[in-house]
Protein backbone atom coordinates (compact mmCIF):
# COMPACT_ATOMS: atom_id res chain seq x y z
CA UNK A 1 -167.44 -7.94 35.71
CA UNK A 2 -168.94 -11.77 35.30
CA UNK A 3 -166.59 -14.59 36.81
CA UNK A 4 -166.52 -16.25 33.42
CA UNK A 5 -164.68 -13.57 31.83
CA UNK A 6 -162.46 -12.58 35.05
CA UNK A 7 -161.38 -16.57 34.53
CA UNK A 8 -160.81 -15.81 30.94
CA UNK A 9 -158.70 -13.33 31.03
CA UNK A 10 -155.55 -14.62 32.12
CA UNK A 11 -153.77 -12.55 34.85
CA UNK A 12 -150.21 -11.64 34.61
CA UNK A 13 -148.47 -13.71 37.18
CA UNK A 14 -145.46 -10.82 36.98
CA UNK A 15 -148.21 -7.97 38.23
CA UNK A 16 -147.84 -6.70 41.72
CA UNK A 17 -150.92 -7.58 43.77
CA UNK A 18 -152.05 -8.22 47.02
CA UNK A 19 -150.22 -11.28 48.77
CA UNK A 20 -153.41 -13.12 49.02
CA UNK A 21 -153.74 -13.50 45.63
CA UNK A 22 -150.76 -14.72 44.05
CA UNK A 23 -151.66 -18.72 44.91
CA UNK A 24 -153.08 -19.48 41.42
CA UNK A 25 -154.62 -17.71 38.40
CA UNK A 26 -157.83 -17.68 39.49
CA UNK A 27 -157.03 -16.06 42.78
CA UNK A 28 -155.47 -13.26 41.01
CA UNK A 29 -158.19 -12.77 38.55
CA UNK A 30 -160.52 -12.62 41.12
CA UNK A 31 -158.10 -10.05 42.27
CA UNK A 32 -157.48 -8.29 39.58
CA UNK A 33 -161.21 -7.86 38.14
CA UNK A 34 -163.83 -7.76 41.16
CA UNK A 35 -162.00 -7.56 44.72
CA UNK A 36 -162.47 -3.81 45.35
CA UNK A 37 -163.94 -2.44 42.68
CA UNK A 38 -167.32 -0.53 43.99
CA UNK A 39 -171.03 -2.93 43.77
CA UNK A 40 -173.37 -0.61 43.84
CA UNK A 41 -176.22 -2.89 42.59
CA UNK A 42 -178.53 -4.15 45.15
CA UNK A 43 -178.64 -8.41 43.69
CA UNK A 44 -175.15 -8.14 43.76
CA UNK A 45 -173.70 -7.37 46.82
CA UNK A 46 -176.40 -9.35 48.47
CA UNK A 47 -174.58 -12.76 46.09
CA UNK A 48 -171.23 -10.66 47.88
CA UNK A 49 -173.35 -11.00 51.57
CA UNK A 50 -173.98 -14.73 50.47
CA UNK A 51 -170.24 -15.30 49.61
CA UNK A 52 -168.28 -14.20 52.41
CA UNK A 53 -170.82 -16.14 54.84
CA UNK A 54 -169.73 -19.40 52.85
CA UNK A 55 -166.07 -18.22 53.26
CA UNK A 56 -166.40 -18.04 57.19
CA UNK A 57 -163.79 -20.87 58.66
CA UNK A 58 -162.52 -21.72 55.37
CA UNK A 59 -160.47 -20.15 52.30
CA UNK A 60 -161.85 -17.42 49.74
CA UNK A 61 -159.96 -19.87 46.98
CA UNK A 62 -162.55 -22.40 48.79
CA UNK A 63 -165.68 -20.35 47.95
CA UNK A 64 -164.47 -19.36 44.75
CA UNK A 65 -164.00 -23.09 43.74
CA UNK A 66 -167.35 -23.45 44.31
CA UNK A 67 -169.35 -20.26 43.38
CA UNK A 68 -170.74 -21.80 40.15
CA UNK A 69 -172.24 -24.69 42.48
CA UNK A 70 -173.76 -22.16 44.70
CA UNK A 71 -175.25 -20.44 42.40
CA UNK A 72 -176.76 -23.51 40.66
CA UNK A 73 -178.22 -23.74 44.03
CA UNK A 74 -179.29 -20.94 45.16
CA UNK A 75 -181.32 -19.98 42.08
CA UNK A 76 -178.84 -17.99 40.79
CA UNK A 77 -178.88 -15.86 44.12
CA UNK A 78 -182.05 -14.49 43.25
CA UNK A 79 -183.50 -13.39 46.80
CA UNK A 80 -187.20 -13.22 45.72
CA UNK A 81 -186.36 -16.74 44.71
CA UNK A 82 -184.48 -18.17 47.79
CA UNK A 83 -186.25 -16.52 50.53
CA UNK A 84 -188.99 -19.32 49.09
CA UNK A 85 -186.84 -21.93 50.15
CA UNK A 86 -188.17 -24.68 52.77
CA UNK A 87 -187.55 -27.41 54.40
CA UNK A 88 -187.23 -29.83 51.40
CA UNK A 89 -184.84 -27.25 49.91
CA UNK A 90 -183.04 -27.15 53.06
CA UNK A 91 -182.25 -31.03 52.87
CA UNK A 92 -181.64 -30.57 48.90
CA UNK A 93 -179.12 -28.06 49.59
CA UNK A 94 -177.67 -30.49 52.56
CA UNK A 95 -177.26 -33.05 49.85
CA UNK A 96 -175.71 -30.51 47.10
CA UNK A 97 -172.59 -31.86 46.62
CA UNK A 98 -171.77 -28.76 44.32
CA UNK A 99 -171.86 -26.61 47.55
CA UNK A 100 -170.46 -25.54 50.86
CA UNK A 101 -173.13 -28.09 52.89
CA UNK A 102 -173.23 -26.02 56.96
CA UNK A 103 -176.51 -25.86 57.55
CA UNK A 104 -175.75 -23.11 59.59
CA UNK A 105 -174.98 -21.23 56.18
CA UNK A 106 -177.44 -22.58 54.31
CA UNK A 107 -180.13 -21.91 56.58
CA UNK A 108 -178.50 -18.08 57.00
CA UNK A 109 -178.86 -17.56 53.08
CA UNK A 110 -182.35 -18.62 53.42
CA UNK A 111 -182.94 -16.07 55.99
CA UNK A 112 -180.90 -13.48 54.90
CA UNK A 113 -183.22 -13.92 51.55
CA UNK A 114 -186.19 -13.43 53.06
CA UNK A 115 -184.85 -10.30 55.75
CA UNK A 116 -183.39 -8.40 51.85
CA UNK A 117 -187.21 -9.27 50.45
CA UNK A 118 -188.23 -7.16 53.43
CA UNK A 119 -186.39 -4.17 53.27
CA UNK A 120 -186.73 -3.95 50.07
CA UNK A 121 -190.67 -4.63 50.11
CA UNK A 122 -190.72 -1.71 53.15
CA UNK A 123 -188.61 0.63 50.41
CA UNK A 124 -185.51 0.43 51.65
CA UNK A 125 -183.16 -0.29 49.35
CA UNK A 126 -180.43 -3.11 49.80
CA UNK A 127 -177.44 -0.90 47.78
CA UNK A 128 -178.22 2.16 48.92
CA UNK A 129 -178.54 0.96 52.76
CA UNK A 130 -175.27 -0.50 52.74
CA UNK A 131 -173.51 2.51 50.99
CA UNK A 132 -175.10 5.04 53.74
CA UNK A 133 -173.22 2.90 56.13
CA UNK A 134 -170.58 4.33 54.32
CA UNK A 135 -170.46 7.34 53.40
CA UNK A 136 -166.96 8.64 53.16
CA UNK A 137 -166.55 5.49 50.73
CA UNK A 138 -163.93 4.02 50.80
CA UNK A 139 -163.01 3.84 53.40
CA UNK A 140 -158.58 3.56 53.78
CA UNK A 141 -157.04 1.32 56.32
CA UNK A 142 -154.13 2.95 56.94
CA UNK A 143 -152.74 1.32 60.03
CA UNK A 144 -150.36 -0.39 58.56
CA UNK A 145 -151.76 -3.73 58.94
CA UNK A 146 -154.34 -6.61 56.84
CA UNK A 147 -157.66 -6.89 60.01
CA UNK A 148 -160.46 -9.05 60.32
CA UNK A 149 -162.96 -6.57 60.96
CA UNK A 150 -163.34 -2.72 62.22
CA UNK A 151 -165.69 -0.56 64.18
CA UNK A 152 -167.56 0.11 60.41
CA UNK A 153 -167.35 -3.42 59.76
CA UNK A 154 -168.86 -4.17 63.60
CA UNK A 155 -171.84 -1.25 62.85
CA UNK A 156 -172.66 -2.54 59.78
CA UNK A 157 -172.57 -6.41 60.92
CA UNK A 158 -175.62 -5.10 63.90
CA UNK A 159 -177.23 -2.77 61.33
CA UNK A 160 -177.53 -6.11 59.16
CA UNK A 161 -178.92 -8.11 62.36
CA UNK A 162 -181.43 -5.44 63.14
CA UNK A 163 -182.77 -5.84 60.19
CA UNK A 164 -182.73 -9.72 60.65
CA UNK A 165 -179.95 -10.83 59.02
CA UNK A 166 -177.86 -13.60 59.90
CA UNK A 167 -174.20 -14.88 60.08
CA UNK A 168 -172.64 -11.54 59.27
CA UNK A 169 -170.53 -10.92 62.33
CA UNK A 170 -167.29 -8.35 61.84
CA UNK A 171 -165.51 -9.76 60.14
CA UNK A 172 -168.16 -10.93 57.24
CA UNK A 173 -169.13 -7.63 57.54
CA UNK A 174 -165.20 -6.68 56.81
CA UNK A 175 -164.67 -9.17 53.59
CA UNK A 176 -168.40 -8.32 52.28
CA UNK A 177 -166.87 -4.36 52.47
CA UNK A 178 -164.02 -4.58 50.80
CA UNK A 179 -164.96 -7.09 47.93
CA UNK A 180 -167.08 -4.30 47.33
CA UNK A 181 -165.32 -1.11 47.10
CA UNK A 182 -166.52 0.14 50.82
CA UNK A 183 -163.50 -0.30 52.43
CA UNK A 184 -159.75 0.26 50.25
CA UNK A 185 -157.70 -2.50 51.70
CA UNK A 186 -154.96 -3.24 48.61
CA UNK A 187 -151.17 -3.14 49.54
CA UNK A 188 -149.53 -1.01 49.05
CA UNK A 189 -147.45 -2.60 46.38
CA UNK A 190 -149.75 -3.50 44.55
CA UNK A 191 -151.27 -2.14 41.04
CA UNK A 192 -154.66 -1.88 42.29
CA UNK A 193 -153.84 0.41 45.33
CA UNK A 194 -153.77 3.96 44.67
CA UNK A 195 -152.93 6.53 47.86
CA UNK A 196 -155.03 7.97 49.58
């Protein structure tokens, strides 16, 4: 669902949802309309990976507030266009107040666009690769605790790095897999939770 449409849909604050999503309407709308919904579109999966990479060390609320700025600054999250960014673009991005100005994350995003394009041009579809790593998707967290990473996210991170991606450790990979619906991590009391 388009982010703007999700925000325009006023969430019911009394609806039971995951604890992290109860802070405000923006977080509720993201939770209710996007987080954990299976995403099979390669470009959208790349966008989600970019956002998760920018989230490292920050709150998800910070990323959501900057999402449209990031979208504008990174050419609508078009990997082909971002892959052509150069040092001038990097400096432009470092001066852009609409985004999270972390040089390592900006460089990783440009490099990850190049890795995405290289995969595609070699005949490897990004969505097919990602979902192929999780053949039993969605994987359900039955541990009874909130996880930051898993053996599967470590394998995903390693596979991404082997293809040239950077800033994609096991924690970022796990958050990405949750957001994209590869891992089902809605809490048992959440209206989005579905039993195994």
